[in-house]
Amino acid sequence: MLAKNDWRLVGITLFAERLESVTDSIGKLDQSQAQLSETVRLVSTVSEETLAASMEVSSTVVGQLEVSDRLVLLSGQLEEVSKQLEESLSRFTT
């Protein structure tokens, strides 16, 4: 049978082993936390880049719509000038 001091030594040994296990688990949690933080940072970066690209596309679309509106206006004006020219030329033909 173990003496009283031997039981204490066994208890201290078991405690040390559990403490080491807890320390290892904390280390693994720290690594997981670091990986999660890096992943969140990367997702944030991609989100910011996507937002910037979306804003650029939106700006380009707005510009294209403005050009399209201007072309419609100019087309209408060209049609009017064309009619006037046709009327003027029709006076010279029999």
PDB file of N, CA and C in Angstrom:
ATOM      1  N   MET A   1       0.830  -1.165   0.000  1.00  0.00           N
ATOM      2  CA  MET A   1       0.000   0.000   0.000  1.00  0.00           C
ATOM      3  C   MET A   1       0.887   1.245   0.000  1.00  0.00           C
ATOM      4  N   LEU A   2       0.384   2.321  -0.653  1.00  0.00           N
ATOM      5  CA  LEU A   2       1.176   3.540  -0.753  1.00  0.00           C
ATOM      6  C   LEU A   2       1.089   4.348   0.530  1.00  0.00           C
ATOM      7  N   ALA A   3       2.201   4.976   0.848  1.00  0.00           N
ATOM      8  CA  ALA A   3       2.230   5.831   2.037  1.00  0.00           C
ATOM      9  C   ALA A   3       1.522   7.146   1.715  1.00  0.00           C
ATOM     10  N   LYS A   4       1.206   7.916   2.732  1.00  0.00           N
ATOM     11  CA  LYS A   4       0.491   9.171   2.584  1.00  0.00           C
ATOM     12  C   LYS A   4       1.228  10.126   1.651  1.00  0.00           C
ATOM     13  N   ASN A   5       2.520  10.228   1.785  1.00  0.00           N
ATOM     14  CA  ASN A   5       3.320  11.099   0.926  1.00  0.00           C
ATOM     15  C   ASN A   5       3.304  10.619  -0.526  1.00  0.00           C
ATOM     16  N   ASP A   6       3.240   9.281  -0.702  1.00  0.00           N
ATOM     17  CA  ASP A   6       3.191   8.726  -2.054  1.00  0.00           C
ATOM     18  C   ASP A   6       1.875   9.110  -2.740  1.00  0.00           C
ATOM     19  N   TRP A   7       0.771   9.091  -1.971  1.00  0.00           N
ATOM     20  CA  TRP A   7      -0.526   9.490  -2.527  1.00  0.00           C
ATOM     21  C   TRP A   7      -0.514  10.950  -2.944  1.00  0.00           C
ATOM     22  N   ARG A   8       0.143  11.749  -2.138  1.00  0.00           N
ATOM     23  CA  ARG A   8       0.265  13.178  -2.487  1.00  0.00           C
ATOM     24  C   ARG A   8       1.042  13.331  -3.790  1.00  0.00           C
ATOM     25  N   LEU A   9       2.088  12.569  -3.930  1.00  0.00           N
ATOM     26  CA  LEU A   9       2.904  12.617  -5.142  1.00  0.00           C
ATOM     27  C   LEU A   9       2.076  12.179  -6.356  1.00  0.00           C
ATOM     28  N   VAL A  10       1.275  11.132  -6.179  1.00  0.00           N
ATOM     29  CA  VAL A  10       0.395  10.670  -7.258  1.00  0.00           C
ATOM     30  C   VAL A  10      -0.607  11.767  -7.606  1.00  0.00           C
ATOM     31  N   GLY A  11      -1.188  12.415  -6.607  1.00  0.00           N
ATOM     32  CA  GLY A  11      -2.152  13.500  -6.823  1.00  0.00           C
ATOM     33  C   GLY A  11      -1.518  14.668  -7.542  1.00  0.00           C
ATOM     34  N   ILE A  12      -0.310  15.031  -7.138  1.00  0.00           N
ATOM     35  CA  ILE A  12       0.405  16.140  -7.779  1.00  0.00           C
ATOM     36  C   ILE A  12       0.727  15.777  -9.225  1.00  0.00           C
ATOM     37  N   THR A  13       1.121  14.543  -9.469  1.00  0.00           N
ATOM     38  CA  THR A  13       1.437  14.089 -10.822  1.00  0.00           C
ATOM     39  C   THR A  13       0.198  14.164 -11.713  1.00  0.00           C
ATOM     40  N   LEU A  14      -0.941  13.682 -11.193  1.00  0.00           N
ATOM     41  CA  LEU A  14      -2.189  13.729 -11.959  1.00  0.00           C
ATOM     42  C   LEU A  14      -2.594  15.182 -12.242  1.00  0.00           C
ATOM     43  N   PHE A  15      -2.442  16.032 -11.234  1.00  0.00           N
ATOM     44  CA  PHE A  15      -2.754  17.443 -11.415  1.00  0.00           C
ATOM     45  C   PHE A  15      -1.868  18.063 -12.486  1.00  0.00           C
ATOM     46  N   ALA A  16      -0.578  17.749 -12.460  1.00  0.00           N
ATOM     47  CA  ALA A  16       0.367  18.285 -13.437  1.00  0.00           C
ATOM     48  C   ALA A  16       0.002  17.816 -14.846  1.00  0.00           C
ATOM     49  N   GLU A  17      -0.405  16.551 -14.964  1.00  0.00           N
ATOM     50  CA  GLU A  17      -0.787  16.026 -16.275  1.00  0.00           C
ATOM     51  C   GLU A  17      -2.031  16.738 -16.804  1.00  0.00           C
ATOM     52  N   ARG A  18      -3.005  16.934 -15.919  1.00  0.00           N
ATOM     53  CA  ARG A  18      -4.227  17.637 -16.332  1.00  0.00           C
ATOM     54  C   ARG A  18      -3.932  19.095 -16.682  1.00  0.00           C
ATOM     55  N   LEU A  19      -3.061  19.713 -15.913  1.00  0.00           N
ATOM     56  CA  LEU A  19      -2.676  21.090 -16.183  1.00  0.00           C
ATOM     57  C   LEU A  19      -1.994  21.188 -17.543  1.00  0.00           C
ATOM     58  N   GLU A  20      -1.141  20.229 -17.846  1.00  0.00           N
ATOM     59  CA  GLU A  20      -0.466  20.202 -19.147  1.00  0.00           C
ATOM     60  C   GLU A  20      -1.496  20.015 -20.271  1.00  0.00           C
ATOM     61  N   SER A  21      -2.478  19.162 -20.052  1.00  0.00           N
ATOM     62  CA  SER A  21      -3.541  18.940 -21.031  1.00  0.00           C
ATOM     63  C   SER A  21      -4.346  20.219 -21.269  1.00  0.00           C
ATOM     64  N   VAL A  22      -4.665  20.923 -20.179  1.00  0.00           N
ATOM     65  CA  VAL A  22      -5.398  22.183 -20.290  1.00  0.00           C
ATOM     66  C   VAL A  22      -4.550  23.211 -21.035  1.00  0.00           C
ATOM     67  N   THR A  23      -3.278  23.274 -20.722  1.00  0.00           N
ATOM     68  CA  THR A  23      -2.367  24.203 -21.391  1.00  0.00           C
ATOM     69  C   THR A  23      -2.302  23.904 -22.889  1.00  0.00           C
ATOM     70  N   ASP A  24      -2.233  22.613 -23.251  1.00  0.00           N
ATOM     71  CA  ASP A  24      -2.237  22.229 -24.670  1.00  0.00           C
ATOM     72  C   ASP A  24      -3.536  22.652 -25.343  1.00  0.00           C
ATOM     73  N   SER A  25      -4.649  22.448 -24.646  1.00  0.00           N
ATOM     74  CA  SER A  25      -5.944  22.836 -25.205  1.00  0.00           C
ATOM     75  C   SER A  25      -6.029  24.339 -25.413  1.00  0.00           C
ATOM     76  N   ILE A  26      -5.507  25.093 -24.478  1.00  0.00           N
ATOM     77  CA  ILE A  26      -5.490  26.553 -24.608  1.00  0.00           C
ATOM     78  C   ILE A  26      -4.640  26.955 -25.805  1.00  0.00           C
ATOM     79  N   GLY A  27      -3.516  26.293 -26.000  1.00  0.00           N
ATOM     80  CA  GLY A  27      -2.666  26.572 -27.159  1.00  0.00           C
ATOM     81  C   GLY A  27      -3.393  26.297 -28.463  1.00  0.00           C
ATOM     82  N   LYS A  28      -4.136  25.181 -28.516  1.00  0.00           N
ATOM     83  CA  LYS A  28      -4.905  24.858 -29.718  1.00  0.00           C
ATOM     84  C   LYS A  28      -6.009  25.884 -29.951  1.00  0.00           C
ATOM     85  N   LEU A  29      -6.653  26.330 -28.871  1.00  0.00           N
ATOM     86  CA  LEU A  29      -7.680  27.368 -28.997  1.00  0.00           C
ATOM     87  C   LEU A  29      -7.079  28.675 -29.525  1.00  0.00           C
ATOM     88  N   ASP A  30      -5.892  29.018 -29.051  1.00  0.00           N
ATOM     89  CA  ASP A  30      -5.210  30.223 -29.533  1.00  0.00           C
ATOM     90  C   ASP A  30      -4.938  30.121 -31.032  1.00  0.00           C
ATOM     91  N   GLN A  31      -4.490  28.935 -31.474  1.00  0.00           N
ATOM     92  CA  GLN A  31      -4.236  28.740 -32.906  1.00  0.00           C
ATOM     93  C   GLN A  31      -5.528  28.862 -33.707  1.00  0.00           C
ATOM     94  N   SER A  32      -6.595  28.258 -33.198  1.00  0.00           N
ATOM     95  CA  SER A  32      -7.888  28.339 -33.883  1.00  0.00           C
ATOM     96  C   SER A  32      -8.376  29.782 -33.938  1.00  0.00           C
ATOM     97  N   GLN A  33      -8.183  30.502 -32.852  1.00  0.00           N
ATOM     98  CA  GLN A  33      -8.585  31.913 -32.805  1.00  0.00           C
ATOM     99  C   GLN A  33      -7.802  32.719 -33.825  1.00  0.00           C
ATOM    100  N   ALA A  34      -6.510  32.467 -33.934  1.00  0.00           N
ATOM    101  CA  ALA A  34      -5.679  33.188 -34.901  1.00  0.00           C
ATOM    102  C   ALA A  34      -6.133  32.871 -36.327  1.00  0.00           C
ATOM    103  N   GLN A  35      -6.429  31.605 -36.608  1.00  0.00           N
ATOM    104  CA  GLN A  35      -6.899  31.227 -37.944  1.00  0.00           C
ATOM    105  C   GLN A  35      -8.252  31.872 -38.243  1.00  0.00           C
ATOM    106  N   LEU A  36      -9.135  31.878 -37.264  1.00  0.00           N
ATOM    107  CA  LEU A  36     -10.446  32.485 -37.450  1.00  0.00           C
ATOM    108  C   LEU A  36     -10.308  33.987 -37.701  1.00  0.00           C
ATOM    109  N   SER A  37      -9.439  34.634 -36.950  1.00  0.00           N
ATOM    110  CA  SER A  37      -9.220  36.073 -37.133  1.00  0.00           C
ATOM    111  C   SER A  37      -8.686  36.365 -38.530  1.00  0.00           C
ATOM    112  N   GLU A  38      -7.767  35.548 -38.999  1.00  0.00           N
ATOM    113  CA  GLU A  38      -7.206  35.724 -40.346  1.00  0.00           C
ATOM    114  C   GLU A  38      -8.282  35.511 -41.403  1.00  0.00           C
ATOM    115  N   THR A  39      -9.128  34.509 -41.207  1.00  0.00           N
ATOM    116  CA  THR A  39     -10.210  34.239 -42.152  1.00  0.00           C
ATOM    117  C   THR A  39     -11.183  35.412 -42.201  1.00  0.00           C
ATOM    118  N   VAL A  40     -11.553  35.926 -41.043  1.00  0.00           N
ATOM    119  CA  VAL A  40     -12.454  37.077 -40.989  1.00  0.00           C
ATOM    120  C   VAL A  40     -11.817  38.280 -41.672  1.00  0.00           C
ATOM    121  N   ARG A  41     -10.524  38.485 -41.463  1.00  0.00           N
ATOM    122  CA  ARG A  41      -9.817  39.602 -42.104  1.00  0.00           C
ATOM    123  C   ARG A  41      -9.836  39.443 -43.623  1.00  0.00           C
ATOM    124  N   LEU A  42      -9.596  38.222 -44.107  1.00  0.00           N
ATOM    125  CA  LEU A  42      -9.602  37.977 -45.549  1.00  0.00           C
ATOM    126  C   LEU A  42     -10.992  38.187 -46.140  1.00  0.00           C
ATOM    127  N   VAL A  43     -12.019  37.707 -45.442  1.00  0.00           N
ATOM    128  CA  VAL A  43     -13.396  37.903 -45.917  1.00  0.00           C
ATOM    129  C   VAL A  43     -13.720  39.392 -45.960  1.00  0.00           C
ATOM    130  N   SER A  44     -13.283  40.109 -44.958  1.00  0.00           N
ATOM    131  CA  SER A  44     -13.518  41.554 -44.919  1.00  0.00           C
ATOM    132  C   SER A  44     -12.830  42.243 -46.091  1.00  0.00           C
ATOM    133  N   THR A  45     -11.606  41.842 -46.370  1.00  0.00           N
ATOM    134  CA  THR A  45     -10.865  42.421 -47.487  1.00  0.00           C
ATOM    135  C   THR A  45     -11.573  42.141 -48.815  1.00  0.00           C
ATOM    136  N   VAL A  46     -12.009  40.901 -49.001  1.00  0.00           N
ATOM    137  CA  VAL A  46     -12.718  40.539 -50.231  1.00  0.00           C
ATOM    138  C   VAL A  46     -14.021  41.325 -50.334  1.00  0.00           C
ATOM    139  N   SER A  47     -14.713  41.487 -49.215  1.00  0.00           N
ATOM    140  CA  SER A  47     -15.967  42.249 -49.216  1.00  0.00           C
ATOM    141  C   SER A  47     -15.727  43.703 -49.621  1.00  0.00           C
ATOM    142  N   GLU A  48     -14.671  44.285 -49.091  1.00  0.00           N
ATOM    143  CA  GLU A  48     -14.345  45.666 -49.439  1.00  0.00           C
ATOM    144  C   GLU A  48     -14.007  45.785 -50.920  1.00  0.00           C
ATOM    145  N   GLU A  49     -13.254  44.826 -51.442  1.00  0.00           N
ATOM    146  CA  GLU A  49     -12.901  44.848 -52.863  1.00  0.00           C
ATOM    147  C   GLU A  49     -14.140  44.655 -53.731  1.00  0.00           C
ATOM    148  N   THR A  50     -15.035  43.784 -53.298  1.00  0.00           N
ATOM    149  CA  THR A  50     -16.272  43.552 -54.040  1.00  0.00           C
ATOM    150  C   THR A  50     -17.132  44.815 -54.040  1.00  0.00           C
ATOM    151  N   LEU A  51     -17.210  45.472 -52.896  1.00  0.00           N
ATOM    152  CA  LEU A  51     -17.968  46.719 -52.808  1.00  0.00           C
ATOM    153  C   LEU A  51     -17.381  47.764 -53.746  1.00  0.00           C
ATOM    154  N   ALA A  52     -16.070  47.901 -53.749  1.00  0.00           N
ATOM    155  CA  ALA A  52     -15.422  48.882 -54.622  1.00  0.00           C
ATOM    156  C   ALA A  52     -15.700  48.561 -56.094  1.00  0.00           C
ATOM    157  N   ALA A  53     -15.620  47.278 -56.448  1.00  0.00           N
ATOM    158  CA  ALA A  53     -15.893  46.877 -57.831  1.00  0.00           C
ATOM    159  C   ALA A  53     -17.351  47.149 -58.189  1.00  0.00           C
ATOM    160  N   SER A  54     -18.263  46.871 -57.267  1.00  0.00           N
ATOM    161  CA  SER A  54     -19.684  47.127 -57.516  1.00  0.00           C
ATOM    162  C   SER A  54     -19.951  48.618 -57.719  1.00  0.00           C
ATOM    163  N   MET A  55     -19.303  49.431 -56.911  1.00  0.00           N
ATOM    164  CA  MET A  55     -19.469  50.876 -57.049  1.00  0.00           C
ATOM    165  C   MET A  55     -18.924  51.350 -58.396  1.00  0.00           C
ATOM    166  N   GLU A  56     -17.817  50.780 -58.821  1.00  0.00           N
ATOM    167  CA  GLU A  56     -17.227  51.150 -60.113  1.00  0.00           C
ATOM    168  C   GLU A  56     -18.154  50.739 -61.259  1.00  0.00           C
ATOM    169  N   VAL A  57     -18.714  49.540 -61.166  1.00  0.00           N
ATOM    170  CA  VAL A  57     -19.660  49.074 -62.184  1.00  0.00           C
ATOM    171  C   VAL A  57     -20.887  49.983 -62.204  1.00  0.00           C
ATOM    172  N   SER A  58     -21.387  50.322 -61.034  1.00  0.00           N
ATOM    173  CA  SER A  58     -22.548  51.205 -60.945  1.00  0.00           C
ATOM    174  C   SER A  58     -22.261  52.554 -61.595  1.00  0.00           C
ATOM    175  N   SER A  59     -21.090  53.084 -61.319  1.00  0.00           N
ATOM    176  CA  SER A  59     -20.699  54.365 -61.913  1.00  0.00           C
ATOM    177  C   SER A  59     -20.610  54.253 -63.426  1.00  0.00           C
ATOM    178  N   THR A  60     -20.064  53.160 -63.918  1.00  0.00           N
ATOM    179  CA  THR A  60     -19.952  52.944 -65.356  1.00  0.00           C
ATOM    180  C   THR A  60     -21.335  52.834 -65.993  1.00  0.00           C
ATOM    181  N   VAL A  61     -22.237  52.116 -65.330  1.00  0.00           N
ATOM    182  CA  VAL A  61     -23.600  51.970 -65.853  1.00  0.00           C
ATOM    183  C   VAL A  61     -24.291  53.324 -65.918  1.00  0.00           C
ATOM    184  N   VAL A  62     -24.136  54.133 -64.872  1.00  0.00           N
ATOM    185  CA  VAL A  62     -24.738  55.466 -64.864  1.00  0.00           C
ATOM    186  C   VAL A  62     -24.183  56.283 -66.028  1.00  0.00           C
ATOM    187  N   GLY A  63     -22.882  56.209 -66.236  1.00  0.00           N
ATOM    188  CA  GLY A  63     -22.265  56.918 -67.358  1.00  0.00           C
ATOM    189  C   GLY A  63     -22.805  56.444 -68.692  1.00  0.00           C
ATOM    190  N   GLN A  64     -22.977  55.124 -68.826  1.00  0.00           N
ATOM    191  CA  GLN A  64     -23.514  54.572 -70.068  1.00  0.00           C
ATOM    192  C   GLN A  64     -24.955  55.023 -70.289  1.00  0.00           C
ATOM    193  N   LEU A  65     -25.739  55.085 -69.226  1.00  0.00           N
ATOM    194  CA  LEU A  65     -27.119  55.563 -69.352  1.00  0.00           C
ATOM    195  C   LEU A  65     -27.160  57.025 -69.791  1.00  0.00           C
ATOM    196  N   GLU A  66     -26.257  57.825 -69.249  1.00  0.00           N
ATOM    197  CA  GLU A  66     -26.195  59.235 -69.647  1.00  0.00           C
ATOM    198  C   GLU A  66     -25.838  59.357 -71.117  1.00  0.00           C
ATOM    199  N   VAL A  67     -24.877  58.561 -71.571  1.00  0.00           N
ATOM    200  CA  VAL A  67     -24.487  58.573 -72.980  1.00  0.00           C
ATOM    201  C   VAL A  67     -25.657  58.115 -73.845  1.00  0.00           C
ATOM    202  N   SER A  68     -26.342  57.076 -73.393  1.00  0.00           N
ATOM    203  CA  SER A  68     -27.486  56.560 -74.138  1.00  0.00           C
ATOM    204  C   SER A  68     -28.583  57.613 -74.243  1.00  0.00           C
ATOM    205  N   ASP A  69     -28.874  58.304 -73.159  1.00  0.00           N
ATOM    206  CA  ASP A  69     -29.879  59.367 -73.183  1.00  0.00           C
ATOM    207  C   ASP A  69     -29.480  60.475 -74.162  1.00  0.00           C
ATOM    208  N   ARG A  70     -28.217  60.816 -74.144  1.00  0.00           N
ATOM    209  CA  ARG A  70     -27.706  61.864 -75.048  1.00  0.00           C
ATOM    210  C   ARG A  70     -27.811  61.413 -76.506  1.00  0.00           C
ATOM    211  N   LEU A  71     -27.531  60.134 -76.767  1.00  0.00           N
ATOM    212  CA  LEU A  71     -27.650  59.611 -78.128  1.00  0.00           C
ATOM    213  C   LEU A  71     -29.096  59.642 -78.606  1.00  0.00           C
ATOM    214  N   VAL A  72     -30.022  59.310 -77.720  1.00  0.00           N
ATOM    215  CA  VAL A  72     -31.443  59.371 -78.085  1.00  0.00           C
ATOM    216  C   VAL A  72     -31.829  60.803 -78.434  1.00  0.00           C
ATOM    217  N   LEU A  73     -31.373  61.752 -77.635  1.00  0.00           N
ATOM    218  CA  LEU A  73     -31.657  63.161 -77.896  1.00  0.00           C
ATOM    219  C   LEU A  73     -31.059  63.592 -79.236  1.00  0.00           C
ATOM    220  N   LEU A  74     -29.804  63.260 -79.461  1.00  0.00           N
ATOM    221  CA  LEU A  74     -29.152  63.631 -80.711  1.00  0.00           C
ATOM    222  C   LEU A  74     -29.805  62.946 -81.906  1.00  0.00           C
ATOM    223  N   SER A  75     -30.241  61.720 -81.728  1.00  0.00           N
ATOM    224  CA  SER A  75     -30.926  61.004 -82.808  1.00  0.00           C
ATOM    225  C   SER A  75     -32.218  61.720 -83.183  1.00  0.00           C
ATOM    226  N   GLY A  76     -32.951  62.166 -82.171  1.00  0.00           N
ATOM    227  CA  GLY A  76     -34.174  62.932 -82.438  1.00  0.00           C
ATOM    228  C   GLY A  76     -33.873  64.220 -83.171  1.00  0.00           C
ATOM    229  N   GLN A  77     -32.820  64.901 -82.767  1.00  0.00           N
ATOM    230  CA  GLN A  77     -32.433  66.144 -83.440  1.00  0.00           C
ATOM    231  C   GLN A  77     -31.994  65.873 -84.876  1.00  0.00           C
ATOM    232  N   LEU A  78     -31.246  64.783 -85.063  1.00  0.00           N
ATOM    233  CA  LEU A  78     -30.800  64.423 -86.409  1.00  0.00           C
ATOM    234  C   LEU A  78     -31.994  64.096 -87.302  1.00  0.00           C
ATOM    235  N   GLU A  79     -32.977  63.417 -86.743  1.00  0.00           N
ATOM    236  CA  GLU A  79     -34.180  63.097 -87.511  1.00  0.00           C
ATOM    237  C   GLU A  79     -34.896  64.383 -87.941  1.00  0.00           C
ATOM    238  N   GLU A  80     -34.980  65.343 -87.037  1.00  0.00           N
ATOM    239  CA  GLU A  80     -35.629  66.621 -87.346  1.00  0.00           C
ATOM    240  C   GLU A  80     -34.872  67.366 -88.445  1.00  0.00           C
ATOM    241  N   VAL A  81     -33.555  67.422 -88.325  1.00  0.00           N
ATOM    242  CA  VAL A  81     -32.732  68.092 -89.340  1.00  0.00           C
ATOM    243  C   VAL A  81     -32.872  67.364 -90.683  1.00  0.00           C
ATOM    244  N   SER A  82     -32.912  66.042 -90.633  1.00  0.00           N
ATOM    245  CA  SER A  82     -33.065  65.253 -91.849  1.00  0.00           C
ATOM    246  C   SER A  82     -34.392  65.566 -92.537  1.00  0.00           C
ATOM    247  N   LYS A  83     -35.472  65.705 -91.773  1.00  0.00           N
ATOM    248  CA  LYS A  83     -36.770  66.054 -92.345  1.00  0.00           C
ATOM    249  C   LYS A  83     -36.729  67.441 -92.981  1.00  0.00           C
ATOM    250  N   GLN A  84     -36.079  68.372 -92.279  1.00  0.00           N
ATOM    251  CA  GLN A  84     -35.975  69.730 -92.813  1.00  0.00           C
ATOM    252  C   GLN A  84     -35.176  69.730 -94.118  1.00  0.00           C
ATOM    253  N   LEU A  85     -34.105  68.961 -94.145  1.00  0.00           N
ATOM    254  CA  LEU A  85     -33.287  68.877 -95.356  1.00  0.00           C
ATOM    255  C   LEU A  85     -34.088  68.245 -96.487  1.00  0.00           C
ATOM    256  N   GLU A  86     -34.842  67.223 -96.183  1.00  0.00           N
ATOM    257  CA  GLU A  86     -35.666  66.556 -97.194  1.00  0.00           C
ATOM    258  C   GLU A  86     -36.706  67.525 -97.756  1.00  0.00           C
ATOM    259  N   GLU A  87     -37.315  68.334 -96.890  1.00  0.00           N
ATOM    260  CA  GLU A  87     -38.293  69.328 -97.342  1.00  0.00           C
ATOM    261  C   GLU A  87     -37.624  70.369 -98.234  1.00  0.00           C
ATOM    262  N   SER A  88     -36.434  70.803 -97.820  1.00  0.00           N
ATOM    263  CA  SER A  88     -35.705  71.807 -98.619  1.00  0.00           C
ATOM    264  C   SER A  88     -35.341  71.245 -99.977  1.00  0.00           C
ATOM    265  N   LEU A  89     -34.892  70.021-100.040  1.00  0.00           N
ATOM    266  CA  LEU A  89     -34.491  69.401-101.310  1.00  0.00           C
ATOM    267  C   LEU A  89     -35.699  69.118-102.191  1.00  0.00           C
ATOM    268  N   SER A  90     -36.833  68.855-101.579  1.00  0.00           N
ATOM    269  CA  SER A  90     -38.026  68.552-102.366  1.00  0.00           C
ATOM    270  C   SER A  90     -38.495  69.773-103.164  1.00  0.00           C
ATOM    271  N   ARG A  91     -38.131  70.942-102.758  1.00  0.00           N
ATOM    272  CA  ARG A  91     -38.494  72.180-103.499  1.00  0.00           C
ATOM    273  C   ARG A  91     -37.752  72.257-104.827  1.00  0.00           C
ATOM    274  N   PHE A  92     -36.572  71.602-104.880  1.00  0.00           N
ATOM    275  CA  PHE A  92     -35.764  71.700-106.083  1.00  0.00           C
ATOM    276  C   PHE A  92     -36.030  70.555-107.061  1.00  0.00           C
ATOM    277  N   THR A  93     -36.801  69.605-106.643  1.00  0.00           N
ATOM    278  CA  THR A  93     -37.099  68.500-107.557  1.00  0.00           C
ATOM    279  C   THR A  93     -38.539  68.606-108.040  1.00  0.00           C
ATOM    280  N   THR A  94     -38.762  68.094-109.214  1.00  0.00           N
ATOM    281  CA  THR A  94     -40.107  68.195-109.786  1.00  0.00           C
ATOM    282  C   THR A  94     -40.829  66.897-109.720  1.00  0.00           C
TER     283      THR A  94
END
